Amino acid sequence: MNDSQRIPASKQKVWAALNDPEILKQCIPGCQSLEMSASNEMTATVVIKVGPVKATFGGKVTLSDLDPPSGYRITGEGNGGIAGFAKGSAAVKLSEEGPDTTVLSYQVDAQIGGKLAQLGGRLIDSTAKKLAGQFFTSFGELVGSAAN
């Protein structure tokens, strides 16, 4: 799943926000905690509801393919106990449209297993799209308003 978003902030501000655990925590749907554990790794606790299944996932978020301030790959993986596991990654690219406007483009991949996987591909895909959309919309609003 691919999309892009125009953010009314400089590329440098958007890049800094993409690397700020406090901002990421506010934008990740269902995020209970997100803390730096290494320079490119964070631990997270996220509560996600997919159809009738609600689960708390504990896991890690890793930043890789770093290309400051133009983009990176953010990968998350977590275990939700009997609900199963979830893994996802997003390739994030930033391009300047002007001194105070940045276009954030992303391509998201997600995989799940266990009880969650039994819910069906269509429900999983629509939930993954919705969660990714919520994250990037929240991120754009938070960073855009902070820049003004």
N, C-alpha and C. Protein backbone atom coordinates (compact mmCIF):
# COMPACT_ATOMS: atom_id res chain seq x y z
N MET A 1 0.84 -1.16 0.00
CA MET A 1 0.00 0.00 0.00
C MET A 1 0.89 1.23 0.00
N ASN A 2 0.58 2.14 -0.90
CA ASN A 2 1.39 3.35 -1.09
C ASN A 2 0.51 4.58 -0.92
N ASP A 3 1.12 5.64 -0.46
CA ASP A 3 0.41 6.91 -0.39
C ASP A 3 1.44 8.01 -0.14
N SER A 4 0.98 9.24 -0.17
CA SER A 4 1.87 10.36 0.16
C SER A 4 1.04 11.43 0.84
N GLN A 5 1.75 12.31 1.50
CA GLN A 5 1.08 13.36 2.25
C GLN A 5 1.94 14.62 2.22
N ARG A 6 1.29 15.76 2.04
CA ARG A 6 1.97 17.04 2.03
C ARG A 6 1.93 17.59 3.46
N ILE A 7 3.09 17.92 4.01
CA ILE A 7 3.18 18.42 5.38
C ILE A 7 3.72 19.84 5.35
N PRO A 8 3.02 20.79 5.99
CA PRO A 8 3.48 22.18 5.97
C PRO A 8 4.61 22.42 6.98
N ALA A 9 5.77 21.82 6.69
CA ALA A 9 6.96 21.97 7.54
C ALA A 9 8.18 21.69 6.67
N SER A 10 9.32 22.19 7.11
CA SER A 10 10.55 21.96 6.35
C SER A 10 10.94 20.48 6.41
N LYS A 11 11.71 20.05 5.43
CA LYS A 11 12.16 18.66 5.35
C LYS A 11 12.94 18.29 6.62
N GLN A 12 13.75 19.22 7.12
CA GLN A 12 14.55 18.97 8.33
C GLN A 12 13.64 18.74 9.55
N LYS A 13 12.57 19.53 9.67
CA LYS A 13 11.64 19.36 10.80
C LYS A 13 10.90 18.03 10.71
N VAL A 14 10.50 17.66 9.50
CA VAL A 14 9.80 16.38 9.31
C VAL A 14 10.74 15.23 9.64
N TRP A 15 11.99 15.31 9.18
CA TRP A 15 12.98 14.27 9.48
C TRP A 15 13.20 14.14 10.99
N ALA A 16 13.34 15.28 11.67
CA ALA A 16 13.55 15.24 13.13
C ALA A 16 12.35 14.58 13.81
N ALA A 17 11.14 14.89 13.36
CA ALA A 17 9.93 14.31 13.96
C ALA A 17 9.86 12.80 13.72
N LEU A 18 10.30 12.36 12.54
CA LEU A 18 10.29 10.92 12.24
C LEU A 18 11.25 10.14 13.14
N ASN A 19 12.15 10.83 13.80
CA ASN A 19 13.13 10.19 14.67
C ASN A 19 12.88 10.50 16.14
N ASP A 20 11.74 11.09 16.46
CA ASP A 20 11.41 11.48 17.83
C ASP A 20 10.39 10.50 18.41
N PRO A 21 10.80 9.68 19.39
CA PRO A 21 9.88 8.68 19.95
C PRO A 21 8.60 9.29 20.52
N GLU A 22 8.67 10.49 21.08
CA GLU A 22 7.47 11.11 21.66
C GLU A 22 6.44 11.43 20.57
N ILE A 23 6.92 11.93 19.44
CA ILE A 23 6.01 12.25 18.33
C ILE A 23 5.46 10.95 17.73
N LEU A 24 6.33 9.97 17.51
CA LEU A 24 5.89 8.69 16.95
C LEU A 24 4.85 8.03 17.86
N LYS A 25 5.07 8.09 19.17
CA LYS A 25 4.13 7.48 20.12
C LYS A 25 2.75 8.11 19.99
N GLN A 26 2.70 9.43 19.81
CA GLN A 26 1.42 10.11 19.69
C GLN A 26 0.69 9.75 18.40
N CYS A 27 1.44 9.32 17.39
CA CYS A 27 0.85 9.07 16.08
C CYS A 27 0.51 7.60 15.82
N ILE A 28 1.18 6.68 16.49
CA ILE A 28 0.93 5.25 16.27
C ILE A 28 -0.40 4.89 16.94
N PRO A 29 -1.39 4.44 16.15
CA PRO A 29 -2.69 4.09 16.74
C PRO A 29 -2.54 3.00 17.81
N GLY A 30 -3.12 3.25 18.98
CA GLY A 30 -3.10 2.26 20.06
C GLY A 30 -1.79 2.16 20.82
N CYS A 31 -0.84 3.07 20.55
CA CYS A 31 0.47 2.98 21.20
C CYS A 31 0.37 3.36 22.68
N GLN A 32 0.80 2.43 23.55
CA GLN A 32 0.81 2.66 24.99
C GLN A 32 2.17 3.18 25.45
N SER A 33 3.23 2.65 24.83
CA SER A 33 4.58 3.11 25.20
C SER A 33 5.51 2.93 24.00
N LEU A 34 6.50 3.80 23.93
CA LEU A 34 7.53 3.73 22.89
C LEU A 34 8.77 4.38 23.47
N GLU A 35 9.83 3.60 23.62
CA GLU A 35 11.05 4.11 24.23
C GLU A 35 12.27 3.70 23.43
N MET A 36 13.23 4.61 23.34
CA MET A 36 14.50 4.30 22.65
C MET A 36 15.25 3.24 23.44
N SER A 37 15.72 2.21 22.76
CA SER A 37 16.54 1.20 23.42
C SER A 37 17.94 1.18 22.82
N ALA A 38 18.09 1.76 21.64
CA ALA A 38 19.39 1.93 20.98
C ALA A 38 19.22 3.10 20.01
N SER A 39 20.29 3.50 19.34
CA SER A 39 20.20 4.68 18.48
C SER A 39 19.20 4.51 17.34
N ASN A 40 18.96 3.28 16.91
CA ASN A 40 18.01 3.06 15.82
C ASN A 40 16.94 2.02 16.18
N GLU A 41 16.73 1.82 17.48
CA GLU A 41 15.76 0.81 17.91
C GLU A 41 14.94 1.31 19.10
N MET A 42 13.65 0.97 19.08
CA MET A 42 12.75 1.35 20.16
C MET A 42 11.94 0.12 20.57
N THR A 43 11.53 0.09 21.82
CA THR A 43 10.60 -0.94 22.28
C THR A 43 9.23 -0.30 22.38
N ALA A 44 8.20 -1.10 22.09
CA ALA A 44 6.85 -0.55 22.03
C ALA A 44 5.82 -1.51 22.61
N THR A 45 4.73 -0.94 23.10
CA THR A 45 3.55 -1.69 23.48
C THR A 45 2.38 -1.01 22.77
N VAL A 46 1.65 -1.80 21.97
CA VAL A 46 0.57 -1.27 21.15
C VAL A 46 -0.66 -2.17 21.30
N VAL A 47 -1.83 -1.56 21.47
CA VAL A 47 -3.09 -2.30 21.52
C VAL A 47 -3.78 -2.11 20.17
N ILE A 48 -4.09 -3.23 19.50
CA ILE A 48 -4.72 -3.17 18.18
C ILE A 48 -5.97 -4.03 18.19
N LYS A 49 -7.00 -3.53 17.52
CA LYS A 49 -8.23 -4.29 17.36
C LYS A 49 -8.41 -4.57 15.87
N VAL A 50 -8.51 -5.84 15.51
CA VAL A 50 -8.75 -6.26 14.14
C VAL A 50 -10.04 -7.07 14.16
N GLY A 51 -11.11 -6.51 13.62
CA GLY A 51 -12.40 -7.20 13.68
C GLY A 51 -12.75 -7.46 15.14
N PRO A 52 -13.06 -8.73 15.48
CA PRO A 52 -13.45 -9.06 16.85
C PRO A 52 -12.27 -9.28 17.80
N VAL A 53 -11.06 -9.29 17.27
CA VAL A 53 -9.88 -9.61 18.09
C VAL A 53 -9.15 -8.34 18.50
N LYS A 54 -9.01 -8.16 19.81
CA LYS A 54 -8.25 -7.04 20.36
C LYS A 54 -7.05 -7.64 21.09
N ALA A 55 -5.87 -7.14 20.79
CA ALA A 55 -4.67 -7.71 21.40
C ALA A 55 -3.66 -6.63 21.74
N THR A 56 -2.88 -6.91 22.77
CA THR A 56 -1.78 -6.03 23.15
C THR A 56 -0.50 -6.66 22.63
N PHE A 57 0.22 -5.91 21.84
CA PHE A 57 1.46 -6.39 21.25
C PHE A 57 2.64 -5.71 21.92
N GLY A 58 3.61 -6.52 22.33
CA GLY A 58 4.88 -6.00 22.81
C GLY A 58 5.91 -6.33 21.76
N GLY A 59 6.77 -5.38 21.44
CA GLY A 59 7.75 -5.66 20.40
C GLY A 59 8.74 -4.54 20.24
N LYS A 60 9.34 -4.53 19.06
CA LYS A 60 10.36 -3.51 18.81
C LYS A 60 10.13 -2.84 17.47
N VAL A 61 10.63 -1.63 17.40
CA VAL A 61 10.58 -0.82 16.19
C VAL A 61 12.02 -0.51 15.83
N THR A 62 12.39 -0.78 14.58
CA THR A 62 13.77 -0.57 14.13
C THR A 62 13.78 0.39 12.95
N LEU A 63 14.73 1.32 12.97
CA LEU A 63 14.94 2.23 11.85
C LEU A 63 16.15 1.74 11.07
N SER A 64 15.99 1.56 9.76
CA SER A 64 17.10 1.09 8.94
C SER A 64 17.12 1.84 7.61
N ASP A 65 18.10 1.51 6.77
CA ASP A 65 18.27 2.18 5.48
C ASP A 65 18.22 3.70 5.66
N LEU A 66 18.89 4.17 6.71
CA LEU A 66 18.86 5.61 7.04
C LEU A 66 19.52 6.44 5.94
N ASP A 67 18.82 7.46 5.50
CA ASP A 67 19.31 8.38 4.48
C ASP A 67 18.89 9.79 4.88
N PRO A 68 19.50 10.32 5.99
CA PRO A 68 19.07 11.62 6.51
C PRO A 68 19.34 12.75 5.52
N PRO A 69 18.46 13.70 5.37
CA PRO A 69 17.09 13.79 5.87
C PRO A 69 16.08 13.36 4.82
N SER A 70 16.42 12.37 3.99
CA SER A 70 15.55 12.01 2.87
C SER A 70 14.65 10.80 3.10
N GLY A 71 14.96 9.99 4.12
CA GLY A 71 14.07 8.86 4.37
C GLY A 71 14.72 7.73 5.13
N TYR A 72 13.92 6.70 5.39
CA TYR A 72 14.38 5.49 6.05
C TYR A 72 13.32 4.41 5.93
N ARG A 73 13.64 3.25 6.47
CA ARG A 73 12.66 2.17 6.59
C ARG A 73 12.40 2.00 8.08
N ILE A 74 11.11 2.00 8.44
CA ILE A 74 10.73 1.76 9.83
C ILE A 74 10.04 0.40 9.86
N THR A 75 10.53 -0.48 10.73
CA THR A 75 10.01 -1.85 10.81
C THR A 75 9.56 -2.12 12.23
N GLY A 76 8.38 -2.68 12.36
CA GLY A 76 7.88 -3.04 13.68
C GLY A 76 7.49 -4.50 13.71
N GLU A 77 7.77 -5.16 14.81
CA GLU A 77 7.31 -6.53 14.98
C GLU A 77 6.92 -6.74 16.42
N GLY A 78 5.83 -7.45 16.59
CA GLY A 78 5.34 -7.65 17.95
C GLY A 78 4.62 -8.96 18.10
N ASN A 79 4.53 -9.40 19.36
CA ASN A 79 3.84 -10.62 19.69
C ASN A 79 2.63 -10.27 20.53
N GLY A 80 1.48 -10.80 20.14
CA GLY A 80 0.24 -10.54 20.86
C GLY A 80 -0.28 -11.74 21.61
N GLY A 81 0.63 -12.62 22.04
CA GLY A 81 0.21 -13.81 22.79
C GLY A 81 -0.65 -14.71 21.93
N ILE A 82 -1.82 -15.14 22.46
CA ILE A 82 -2.66 -16.08 21.72
C ILE A 82 -3.25 -15.47 20.45
N ALA A 83 -3.29 -14.14 20.38
CA ALA A 83 -3.82 -13.47 19.18
C ALA A 83 -2.89 -13.67 17.99
N GLY A 84 -1.60 -13.88 18.25
CA GLY A 84 -0.65 -14.10 17.17
C GLY A 84 0.44 -13.04 17.15
N PHE A 85 0.98 -12.84 15.96
CA PHE A 85 2.06 -11.86 15.82
C PHE A 85 1.74 -10.92 14.67
N ALA A 86 2.41 -9.78 14.69
CA ALA A 86 2.27 -8.81 13.59
C ALA A 86 3.64 -8.27 13.25
N LYS A 87 3.88 -8.08 11.96
CA LYS A 87 5.12 -7.48 11.48
C LYS A 87 4.74 -6.49 10.40
N GLY A 88 5.40 -5.39 10.39
CA GLY A 88 5.12 -4.43 9.33
C GLY A 88 6.30 -3.52 9.12
N SER A 89 6.39 -2.98 7.93
CA SER A 89 7.45 -2.02 7.66
C SER A 89 6.91 -0.97 6.70
N ALA A 90 7.53 0.18 6.75
CA ALA A 90 7.18 1.27 5.83
C ALA A 90 8.47 1.91 5.33
N ALA A 91 8.58 2.01 4.02
CA ALA A 91 9.67 2.77 3.41
C ALA A 91 9.16 4.20 3.32
N VAL A 92 9.86 5.12 3.97
CA VAL A 92 9.43 6.52 4.04
C VAL A 92 10.43 7.38 3.28
N LYS A 93 9.92 8.19 2.37
CA LYS A 93 10.77 9.11 1.58
C LYS A 93 10.25 10.52 1.74
N LEU A 94 11.18 11.45 1.92
CA LEU A 94 10.83 12.87 2.05
C LEU A 94 11.37 13.63 0.85
N SER A 95 10.54 14.50 0.30
CA SER A 95 11.02 15.37 -0.77
C SER A 95 10.49 16.78 -0.51
N GLU A 96 11.35 17.75 -0.79
CA GLU A 96 11.00 19.15 -0.56
C GLU A 96 10.16 19.68 -1.71
N GLU A 97 9.06 20.33 -1.35
CA GLU A 97 8.24 20.97 -2.38
C GLU A 97 8.46 22.48 -2.30
N GLY A 98 9.10 22.91 -1.24
CA GLY A 98 9.39 24.32 -1.01
C GLY A 98 10.06 24.41 0.35
N PRO A 99 10.48 25.59 0.79
CA PRO A 99 11.20 25.69 2.07
C PRO A 99 10.35 25.26 3.27
N ASP A 100 9.01 25.39 3.16
CA ASP A 100 8.15 25.03 4.28
C ASP A 100 7.09 23.99 3.92
N THR A 101 7.37 23.20 2.89
CA THR A 101 6.45 22.13 2.51
C THR A 101 7.25 20.89 2.14
N THR A 102 6.89 19.77 2.78
CA THR A 102 7.57 18.50 2.53
C THR A 102 6.53 17.47 2.11
N VAL A 103 6.86 16.69 1.09
CA VAL A 103 5.98 15.58 0.70
C VAL A 103 6.57 14.31 1.29
N LEU A 104 5.77 13.64 2.12
CA LEU A 104 6.17 12.39 2.74
C LEU A 104 5.47 11.28 1.96
N SER A 105 6.25 10.40 1.31
CA SER A 105 5.70 9.27 0.57
C SER A 105 6.03 8.01 1.34
N TYR A 106 5.10 7.05 1.33
CA TYR A 106 5.37 5.82 2.05
C TYR A 106 4.80 4.61 1.32
N GLN A 107 5.48 3.48 1.54
CA GLN A 107 5.04 2.20 1.02
C GLN A 107 5.06 1.24 2.20
N VAL A 108 3.90 0.67 2.52
CA VAL A 108 3.75 -0.16 3.73
C VAL A 108 3.52 -1.62 3.35
N ASP A 109 4.18 -2.51 4.09
CA ASP A 109 3.96 -3.95 3.99
C ASP A 109 3.64 -4.45 5.38
N ALA A 110 2.69 -5.38 5.49
CA ALA A 110 2.34 -5.94 6.79
C ALA A 110 2.09 -7.44 6.67
N GLN A 111 2.45 -8.18 7.73
CA GLN A 111 2.17 -9.61 7.80
C GLN A 111 1.72 -9.93 9.20
N ILE A 112 0.81 -10.90 9.29
CA ILE A 112 0.35 -11.34 10.59
C ILE A 112 0.26 -12.86 10.62
N GLY A 113 0.21 -13.42 11.83
CA GLY A 113 0.07 -14.86 11.97
C GLY A 113 -0.72 -15.17 13.23
N GLY A 114 -1.06 -16.41 13.42
CA GLY A 114 -1.82 -16.83 14.59
C GLY A 114 -3.30 -16.58 14.41
N LYS A 115 -4.00 -16.36 15.49
CA LYS A 115 -5.45 -16.17 15.47
C LYS A 115 -5.86 -15.01 14.56
N LEU A 116 -5.06 -13.95 14.55
CA LEU A 116 -5.36 -12.80 13.70
C LEU A 116 -5.42 -13.19 12.22
N ALA A 117 -4.54 -14.09 11.81
CA ALA A 117 -4.46 -14.48 10.40
C ALA A 117 -5.73 -15.21 9.95
N GLN A 118 -6.46 -15.77 10.88
CA GLN A 118 -7.68 -16.51 10.54
C GLN A 118 -8.84 -15.58 10.20
N LEU A 119 -8.68 -14.28 10.41
CA LEU A 119 -9.77 -13.33 10.18
C LEU A 119 -10.01 -13.05 8.69
N GLY A 120 -9.05 -13.38 7.87
CA GLY A 120 -9.24 -13.17 6.43
C GLY A 120 -8.44 -11.99 5.91
N GLY A 121 -7.94 -12.17 4.71
CA GLY A 121 -7.06 -11.18 4.09
C GLY A 121 -7.68 -9.82 3.89
N ARG A 122 -8.97 -9.78 3.51
CA ARG A 122 -9.61 -8.50 3.23
C ARG A 122 -9.69 -7.64 4.49
N LEU A 123 -10.09 -8.25 5.61
CA LEU A 123 -10.19 -7.53 6.87
C LEU A 123 -8.80 -7.06 7.33
N ILE A 124 -7.81 -7.93 7.18
CA ILE A 124 -6.44 -7.58 7.56
C ILE A 124 -5.93 -6.42 6.72
N ASP A 125 -6.12 -6.50 5.40
CA ASP A 125 -5.65 -5.44 4.51
C ASP A 125 -6.33 -4.11 4.82
N SER A 126 -7.65 -4.14 5.02
CA SER A 126 -8.36 -2.88 5.29
C SER A 126 -7.93 -2.29 6.63
N THR A 127 -7.68 -3.15 7.63
CA THR A 127 -7.22 -2.67 8.94
C THR A 127 -5.82 -2.09 8.83
N ALA A 128 -4.93 -2.77 8.10
CA ALA A 128 -3.56 -2.27 7.93
C ALA A 128 -3.57 -0.92 7.22
N LYS A 129 -4.40 -0.79 6.18
CA LYS A 129 -4.51 0.49 5.46
C LYS A 129 -5.02 1.58 6.38
N LYS A 130 -6.04 1.24 7.17
CA LYS A 130 -6.63 2.22 8.08
C LYS A 130 -5.60 2.67 9.12
N LEU A 131 -4.87 1.72 9.71
CA LEU A 131 -3.87 2.07 10.73
C LEU A 131 -2.74 2.90 10.14
N ALA A 132 -2.26 2.53 8.95
CA ALA A 132 -1.20 3.31 8.30
C ALA A 132 -1.71 4.71 7.99
N GLY A 133 -2.94 4.79 7.47
CA GLY A 133 -3.52 6.10 7.17
C GLY A 133 -3.65 6.96 8.42
N GLN A 134 -4.10 6.35 9.53
CA GLN A 134 -4.23 7.10 10.79
C GLN A 134 -2.87 7.60 11.26
N PHE A 135 -1.85 6.74 11.17
CA PHE A 135 -0.52 7.15 11.61
C PHE A 135 -0.05 8.36 10.81
N PHE A 136 -0.05 8.25 9.48
CA PHE A 136 0.51 9.31 8.66
C PHE A 136 -0.34 10.58 8.69
N THR A 137 -1.67 10.46 8.84
CA THR A 137 -2.52 11.65 8.99
C THR A 137 -2.20 12.35 10.31
N SER A 138 -2.14 11.59 11.39
CA SER A 138 -1.81 12.18 12.70
C SER A 138 -0.43 12.82 12.67
N PHE A 139 0.53 12.11 12.07
CA PHE A 139 1.89 12.62 11.98
C PHE A 139 1.91 13.96 11.23
N GLY A 140 1.23 14.01 10.08
CA GLY A 140 1.20 15.25 9.28
C GLY A 140 0.56 16.40 10.04
N GLU A 141 -0.54 16.11 10.75
CA GLU A 141 -1.21 17.16 11.51
C GLU A 141 -0.35 17.66 12.68
N LEU A 142 0.27 16.72 13.39
CA LEU A 142 1.09 17.08 14.55
C LEU A 142 2.32 17.88 14.12
N VAL A 143 3.04 17.39 13.12
CA VAL A 143 4.26 18.07 12.68
C VAL A 143 3.92 19.38 11.98
N GLY A 144 2.86 19.37 11.18
CA GLY A 144 2.46 20.59 10.47
C GLY A 144 2.03 21.69 11.43
N SER A 145 1.29 21.33 12.48
CA SER A 145 0.84 22.35 13.45
C SER A 145 1.99 22.82 14.31
N ALA A 146 2.94 21.94 14.61
CA ALA A 146 4.10 22.32 15.44
C ALA A 146 5.01 23.28 14.68
N ALA A 147 4.99 23.19 13.34
CA ALA A 147 5.87 24.04 12.53
C ALA A 147 5.32 25.45 12.40
N ASN A 148 4.03 25.61 12.65
CA ASN A 148 3.42 26.94 12.46
C ASN A 148 3.42 27.76 13.73
